[in-house]
């Protein structure tokens, strides 16, 4: 199978279901941002500090492919085969992972400036892309009904990534810099 088809050379792409839309369509932008997030999660997964979390991060990447498939599906035409979906347990697993990481972390008393270590910075970038994906999916939901579990999952995933940043800082023994606003 060739990777190029030339079908998108005019600025159009096909949704699952066959309908062609502009590559600038909000739906394409939303699942493209989820794909970007997936790449950032891959970079976070590849950091040596995350060796014990590698499998969980792969599961997150799998869920992001699931979300991408759902977003790429034409809402007006049922696909020939079922598209996988996010389930409530996916959200619960993120919450459980956060609760486990939080046990060792100092209480959060202020906003935290991103950075401290390259690995932590990669995770903060993933977190911000996750928030952008969430905003785009919410915007898409204003036009087309999106499964609420997709929105919940992206919201919880950005929280998970924030806690993961804190946990990585803790494990790397790097300073977590609190934001102190000017007075």
C-alpha atoms as a PDB file:
ATOM      1  CA  UNK A   1       0.000   0.000   0.000  1.00  0.00           C
ATOM      2  CA  UNK A   2       1.349   3.408  -0.943  1.00  0.00           C
ATOM      3  CA  UNK A   3       1.280   6.067   1.743  1.00  0.00           C
ATOM      4  CA  UNK A   4       0.393   8.767  -0.763  1.00  0.00           C
ATOM      5  CA  UNK A   5      -2.906   8.772  -2.628  1.00  0.00           C
ATOM      6  CA  UNK A   6      -2.940  12.282  -4.118  1.00  0.00           C
ATOM      7  CA  UNK A   7      -6.590  12.468  -2.999  1.00  0.00           C
ATOM      8  CA  UNK A   8      -5.777  15.336  -0.632  1.00  0.00           C
ATOM      9  CA  UNK A   9      -3.878  17.451  -3.128  1.00  0.00           C
ATOM     10  CA  UNK A  10      -6.854  19.788  -3.539  1.00  0.00           C
ATOM     11  CA  UNK A  11      -7.148  20.519   0.177  1.00  0.00           C
ATOM     12  CA  UNK A  12      -9.889  17.983   0.865  1.00  0.00           C
ATOM     13  CA  UNK A  13      -9.844  14.797   2.937  1.00  0.00           C
ATOM     14  CA  UNK A  14     -12.332  12.025   3.619  1.00  0.00           C
ATOM     15  CA  UNK A  15     -14.078  11.341   6.893  1.00  0.00           C
ATOM     16  CA  UNK A  16     -14.792   7.783   7.983  1.00  0.00           C
ATOM     17  CA  UNK A  17     -17.968   7.217   6.026  1.00  0.00           C
ATOM     18  CA  UNK A  18     -16.599   8.718   2.809  1.00  0.00           C
ATOM     19  CA  UNK A  19     -17.756  12.351   2.838  1.00  0.00           C
ATOM     20  CA  UNK A  20     -15.027  14.749   1.730  1.00  0.00           C
ATOM     21  CA  UNK A  21     -14.389  17.915   3.716  1.00  0.00           C
ATOM     22  CA  UNK A  22     -11.837  20.706   3.745  1.00  0.00           C
ATOM     23  CA  UNK A  23      -8.597  19.924   5.552  1.00  0.00           C
ATOM     24  CA  UNK A  24      -9.276  23.203   7.399  1.00  0.00           C
ATOM     25  CA  UNK A  25     -12.575  21.847   8.772  1.00  0.00           C
ATOM     26  CA  UNK A  26     -12.900  22.085  12.575  1.00  0.00           C
ATOM     27  CA  UNK A  27     -13.358  18.302  12.776  1.00  0.00           C
ATOM     28  CA  UNK A  28     -10.035  17.753  10.973  1.00  0.00           C
ATOM     29  CA  UNK A  29      -8.332  20.343  13.163  1.00  0.00           C
ATOM     30  CA  UNK A  30      -9.696  18.618  16.299  1.00  0.00           C
ATOM     31  CA  UNK A  31      -8.506  15.132  15.413  1.00  0.00           C
ATOM     32  CA  UNK A  32      -5.260  16.532  14.022  1.00  0.00           C
ATOM     33  CA  UNK A  33      -4.602  18.136  17.402  1.00  0.00           C
ATOM     34  CA  UNK A  34      -5.381  14.830  19.124  1.00  0.00           C
ATOM     35  CA  UNK A  35      -2.813  13.252  16.786  1.00  0.00           C
ATOM     36  CA  UNK A  36      -0.285  15.958  17.749  1.00  0.00           C
ATOM     37  CA  UNK A  37      -1.008  15.216  21.400  1.00  0.00           C
ATOM     38  CA  UNK A  38      -0.410  11.532  20.739  1.00  0.00           C
ATOM     39  CA  UNK A  39       3.044  12.343  19.342  1.00  0.00           C
ATOM     40  CA  UNK A  40       3.874  14.406  22.453  1.00  0.00           C
ATOM     41  CA  UNK A  41       2.712  11.547  24.685  1.00  0.00           C
ATOM     42  CA  UNK A  42       5.067   9.286  22.722  1.00  0.00           C
ATOM     43  CA  UNK A  43       7.937  11.657  23.508  1.00  0.00           C
ATOM     44  CA  UNK A  44       6.963  11.711  27.187  1.00  0.00           C
ATOM     45  CA  UNK A  45       6.760   7.895  27.153  1.00  0.00           C
ATOM     46  CA  UNK A  46      10.282   7.702  25.699  1.00  0.00           C
ATOM     47  CA  UNK A  47      11.808   9.639  28.600  1.00  0.00           C
ATOM     48  CA  UNK A  48      13.908   7.332  30.822  1.00  0.00           C
ATOM     49  CA  UNK A  49      12.162   8.682  33.937  1.00  0.00           C
ATOM     50  CA  UNK A  50       8.908   7.143  32.641  1.00  0.00           C
ATOM     51  CA  UNK A  51      10.160   3.591  32.129  1.00  0.00           C
ATOM     52  CA  UNK A  52       7.780   2.288  34.829  1.00  0.00           C
ATOM     53  CA  UNK A  53       4.862   4.199  33.231  1.00  0.00           C
ATOM     54  CA  UNK A  54       5.602   3.178  29.649  1.00  0.00           C
ATOM     55  CA  UNK A  55       2.695   0.716  29.357  1.00  0.00           C
ATOM     56  CA  UNK A  56       0.177   3.129  30.865  1.00  0.00           C
ATOM     57  CA  UNK A  57       1.317   5.877  28.481  1.00  0.00           C
ATOM     58  CA  UNK A  58       0.900   3.442  25.569  1.00  0.00           C
ATOM     59  CA  UNK A  59      -2.651   2.813  26.753  1.00  0.00           C
ATOM     60  CA  UNK A  60      -3.255   6.561  26.715  1.00  0.00           C
ATOM     61  CA  UNK A  61      -1.929   6.680  23.159  1.00  0.00           C
ATOM     62  CA  UNK A  62      -4.335   3.905  22.220  1.00  0.00           C
ATOM     63  CA  UNK A  63      -7.239   5.883  23.715  1.00  0.00           C
ATOM     64  CA  UNK A  64      -6.136   8.935  21.715  1.00  0.00           C
ATOM     65  CA  UNK A  65      -6.329   6.856  18.517  1.00  0.00           C
ATOM     66  CA  UNK A  66      -9.832   5.840  19.633  1.00  0.00           C
ATOM     67  CA  UNK A  67     -10.770   9.503  20.088  1.00  0.00           C
ATOM     68  CA  UNK A  68      -9.237  10.373  16.719  1.00  0.00           C
ATOM     69  CA  UNK A  69     -11.316   7.658  15.021  1.00  0.00           C
ATOM     70  CA  UNK A  70     -14.474   8.921  16.661  1.00  0.00           C
ATOM     71  CA  UNK A  71     -13.751  12.516  15.636  1.00  0.00           C
ATOM     72  CA  UNK A  72     -12.898  11.414  12.079  1.00  0.00           C
ATOM     73  CA  UNK A  73     -16.248   9.668  11.664  1.00  0.00           C
ATOM     74  CA  UNK A  74     -18.889  11.425   9.596  1.00  0.00           C
ATOM     75  CA  UNK A  75     -21.744  12.155  12.034  1.00  0.00           C
ATOM     76  CA  UNK A  76     -24.262  11.914   9.189  1.00  0.00           C
ATOM     77  CA  UNK A  77     -23.201   8.501   7.898  1.00  0.00           C
ATOM     78  CA  UNK A  78     -22.714   5.357   9.937  1.00  0.00           C
ATOM     79  CA  UNK A  79     -19.427   3.590   9.197  1.00  0.00           C
ATOM     80  CA  UNK A  80     -19.449   0.065   7.735  1.00  0.00           C
ATOM     81  CA  UNK A  81     -17.728  -1.281  10.845  1.00  0.00           C
ATOM     82  CA  UNK A  82     -18.082   0.028  14.385  1.00  0.00           C
ATOM     83  CA  UNK A  83     -15.622   2.656  15.594  1.00  0.00           C
ATOM     84  CA  UNK A  84     -14.124   1.988  19.058  1.00  0.00           C
ATOM     85  CA  UNK A  85     -15.217   4.332  21.817  1.00  0.00           C
ATOM     86  CA  UNK A  86     -14.040   5.724  25.129  1.00  0.00           C
ATOM     87  CA  UNK A  87     -15.651   4.099  28.175  1.00  0.00           C
ATOM     88  CA  UNK A  88     -16.092   5.398  31.730  1.00  0.00           C
ATOM     89  CA  UNK A  89     -13.334   3.081  32.987  1.00  0.00           C
ATOM     90  CA  UNK A  90     -10.823   4.938  30.771  1.00  0.00           C
ATOM     91  CA  UNK A  91     -11.521   8.130  32.736  1.00  0.00           C
ATOM     92  CA  UNK A  92     -11.434   6.215  36.032  1.00  0.00           C
ATOM     93  CA  UNK A  93      -7.991   4.765  35.238  1.00  0.00           C
ATOM     94  CA  UNK A  94      -6.593   8.273  34.756  1.00  0.00           C
ATOM     95  CA  UNK A  95      -8.075   9.337  38.097  1.00  0.00           C
ATOM     96  CA  UNK A  96      -6.651   6.261  39.807  1.00  0.00           C
ATOM     97  CA  UNK A  97      -3.187   6.935  38.335  1.00  0.00           C
ATOM     98  CA  UNK A  98      -3.328  10.545  39.551  1.00  0.00           C
ATOM     99  CA  UNK A  99      -4.353   9.465  43.050  1.00  0.00           C
ATOM    100  CA  UNK A 100      -1.439   7.020  43.163  1.00  0.00           C
ATOM    101  CA  UNK A 101       1.089   9.653  42.006  1.00  0.00           C
ATOM    102  CA  UNK A 102      -0.318  12.269  44.398  1.00  0.00           C
ATOM    103  CA  UNK A 103       0.513  10.171  47.472  1.00  0.00           C
ATOM    104  CA  UNK A 104       4.213  11.137  47.310  1.00  0.00           C
ATOM    105  CA  UNK A 105       3.811  14.731  46.171  1.00  0.00           C
ATOM    106  CA  UNK A 106       3.897  17.800  48.371  1.00  0.00           C
ATOM    107  CA  UNK A 107       0.634  19.702  48.659  1.00  0.00           C
ATOM    108  CA  UNK A 108       0.076  22.098  45.780  1.00  0.00           C
ATOM    109  CA  UNK A 109      -0.199  25.650  47.115  1.00  0.00           C
ATOM    110  CA  UNK A 110       0.261  27.732  43.963  1.00  0.00           C
ATOM    111  CA  UNK A 111       0.518  27.577  40.208  1.00  0.00           C
ATOM    112  CA  UNK A 112       3.657  25.878  38.922  1.00  0.00           C
ATOM    113  CA  UNK A 113       5.867  27.308  36.194  1.00  0.00           C
ATOM    114  CA  UNK A 114       6.539  24.729  33.448  1.00  0.00           C
ATOM    115  CA  UNK A 115      10.114  23.473  33.282  1.00  0.00           C
ATOM    116  CA  UNK A 116      12.850  22.316  35.593  1.00  0.00           C
ATOM    117  CA  UNK A 117      14.046  19.462  33.412  1.00  0.00           C
ATOM    118  CA  UNK A 118      13.763  18.674  29.706  1.00  0.00           C
ATOM    119  CA  UNK A 119      11.595  15.593  30.381  1.00  0.00           C
ATOM    120  CA  UNK A 120       9.222  17.612  32.551  1.00  0.00           C
ATOM    121  CA  UNK A 121       9.041  20.331  29.884  1.00  0.00           C
ATOM    122  CA  UNK A 122       8.038  17.743  27.254  1.00  0.00           C
ATOM    123  CA  UNK A 123       5.231  16.648  29.559  1.00  0.00           C
ATOM    124  CA  UNK A 124       4.069  20.254  30.062  1.00  0.00           C
ATOM    125  CA  UNK A 125       3.970  20.674  26.280  1.00  0.00           C
ATOM    126  CA  UNK A 126       1.825  17.536  26.033  1.00  0.00           C
ATOM    127  CA  UNK A 127      -0.461  18.979  28.733  1.00  0.00           C
ATOM    128  CA  UNK A 128      -0.962  22.254  26.856  1.00  0.00           C
ATOM    129  CA  UNK A 129      -1.652  20.457  23.568  1.00  0.00           C
ATOM    130  CA  UNK A 130      -4.171  18.309  25.454  1.00  0.00           C
ATOM    131  CA  UNK A 131      -5.949  21.454  26.668  1.00  0.00           C
ATOM    132  CA  UNK A 132      -6.036  22.788  23.096  1.00  0.00           C
ATOM    133  CA  UNK A 133      -7.471  19.480  21.842  1.00  0.00           C
ATOM    134  CA  UNK A 134     -10.094  19.647  24.590  1.00  0.00           C
ATOM    135  CA  UNK A 135     -11.089  23.195  23.564  1.00  0.00           C
ATOM    136  CA  UNK A 136     -11.365  22.156  19.922  1.00  0.00           C
ATOM    137  CA  UNK A 137     -13.508  19.127  20.733  1.00  0.00           C
ATOM    138  CA  UNK A 138     -15.780  21.289  22.900  1.00  0.00           C
ATOM    139  CA  UNK A 139     -16.099  23.738  20.001  1.00  0.00           C
ATOM    140  CA  UNK A 140     -16.882  20.829  17.649  1.00  0.00           C
ATOM    141  CA  UNK A 141     -19.473  19.612  20.163  1.00  0.00           C
ATOM    142  CA  UNK A 142     -21.274  22.949  19.746  1.00  0.00           C
ATOM    143  CA  UNK A 143     -21.964  21.965  16.117  1.00  0.00           C
ATOM    144  CA  UNK A 144     -22.089  18.157  16.260  1.00  0.00           C
ATOM    145  CA  UNK A 145     -22.847  15.948  19.222  1.00  0.00           C
ATOM    146  CA  UNK A 146     -19.602  14.441  20.530  1.00  0.00           C
ATOM    147  CA  UNK A 147     -19.634  11.657  23.109  1.00  0.00           C
ATOM    148  CA  UNK A 148     -19.284  13.407  26.480  1.00  0.00           C
ATOM    149  CA  UNK A 149     -16.790  10.730  27.586  1.00  0.00           C
ATOM    150  CA  UNK A 150     -14.376  12.057  24.938  1.00  0.00           C
ATOM    151  CA  UNK A 151     -14.533  15.519  26.520  1.00  0.00           C
ATOM    152  CA  UNK A 152     -14.221  14.042  30.020  1.00  0.00           C
ATOM    153  CA  UNK A 153     -11.250  11.925  28.964  1.00  0.00           C
ATOM    154  CA  UNK A 154      -9.365  14.882  27.471  1.00  0.00           C
ATOM    155  CA  UNK A 155     -10.114  16.994  30.541  1.00  0.00           C
ATOM    156  CA  UNK A 156      -8.904  14.264  32.887  1.00  0.00           C
ATOM    157  CA  UNK A 157      -5.892  13.532  30.679  1.00  0.00           C
ATOM    158  CA  UNK A 158      -4.688  17.129  30.957  1.00  0.00           C
ATOM    159  CA  UNK A 159      -5.029  16.825  34.744  1.00  0.00           C
ATOM    160  CA  UNK A 160      -3.123  13.532  34.626  1.00  0.00           C
ATOM    161  CA  UNK A 161      -0.338  15.151  32.601  1.00  0.00           C
ATOM    162  CA  UNK A 162      -0.054  17.968  35.128  1.00  0.00           C
ATOM    163  CA  UNK A 163       0.259  15.500  37.998  1.00  0.00           C
ATOM    164  CA  UNK A 164       2.729  13.489  35.920  1.00  0.00           C
ATOM    165  CA  UNK A 165       4.832  16.652  35.474  1.00  0.00           C
ATOM    166  CA  UNK A 166       4.882  17.091  39.235  1.00  0.00           C
ATOM    167  CA  UNK A 167       5.715  13.422  39.804  1.00  0.00           C
ATOM    168  CA  UNK A 168       8.528  13.526  37.262  1.00  0.00           C
ATOM    169  CA  UNK A 169       9.955  16.659  38.932  1.00  0.00           C
ATOM    170  CA  UNK A 170       9.789  14.882  42.273  1.00  0.00           C
ATOM    171  CA  UNK A 171      11.488  11.737  40.955  1.00  0.00           C
ATOM    172  CA  UNK A 172      14.155  13.748  39.125  1.00  0.00           C
ATOM    173  CA  UNK A 173      14.709  15.810  42.275  1.00  0.00           C
ATOM    174  CA  UNK A 174      14.352  19.089  40.391  1.00  0.00           C
ATOM    175  CA  UNK A 175      12.871  22.247  41.788  1.00  0.00           C
ATOM    176  CA  UNK A 176       9.191  22.804  41.175  1.00  0.00           C
ATOM    177  CA  UNK A 177       9.024  26.562  40.701  1.00  0.00           C
ATOM    178  CA  UNK A 178       5.912  28.197  42.118  1.00  0.00           C
ATOM    179  CA  UNK A 179       4.488  31.186  40.325  1.00  0.00           C
ATOM    180  CA  UNK A 180       4.715  34.261  42.496  1.00  0.00           C
ATOM    181  CA  UNK A 181       2.777  37.090  40.884  1.00  0.00           C
ATOM    182  CA  UNK A 182       4.197  40.592  41.044  1.00  0.00           C
ATOM    183  CA  UNK A 183       2.588  42.792  43.597  1.00  0.00           C
END
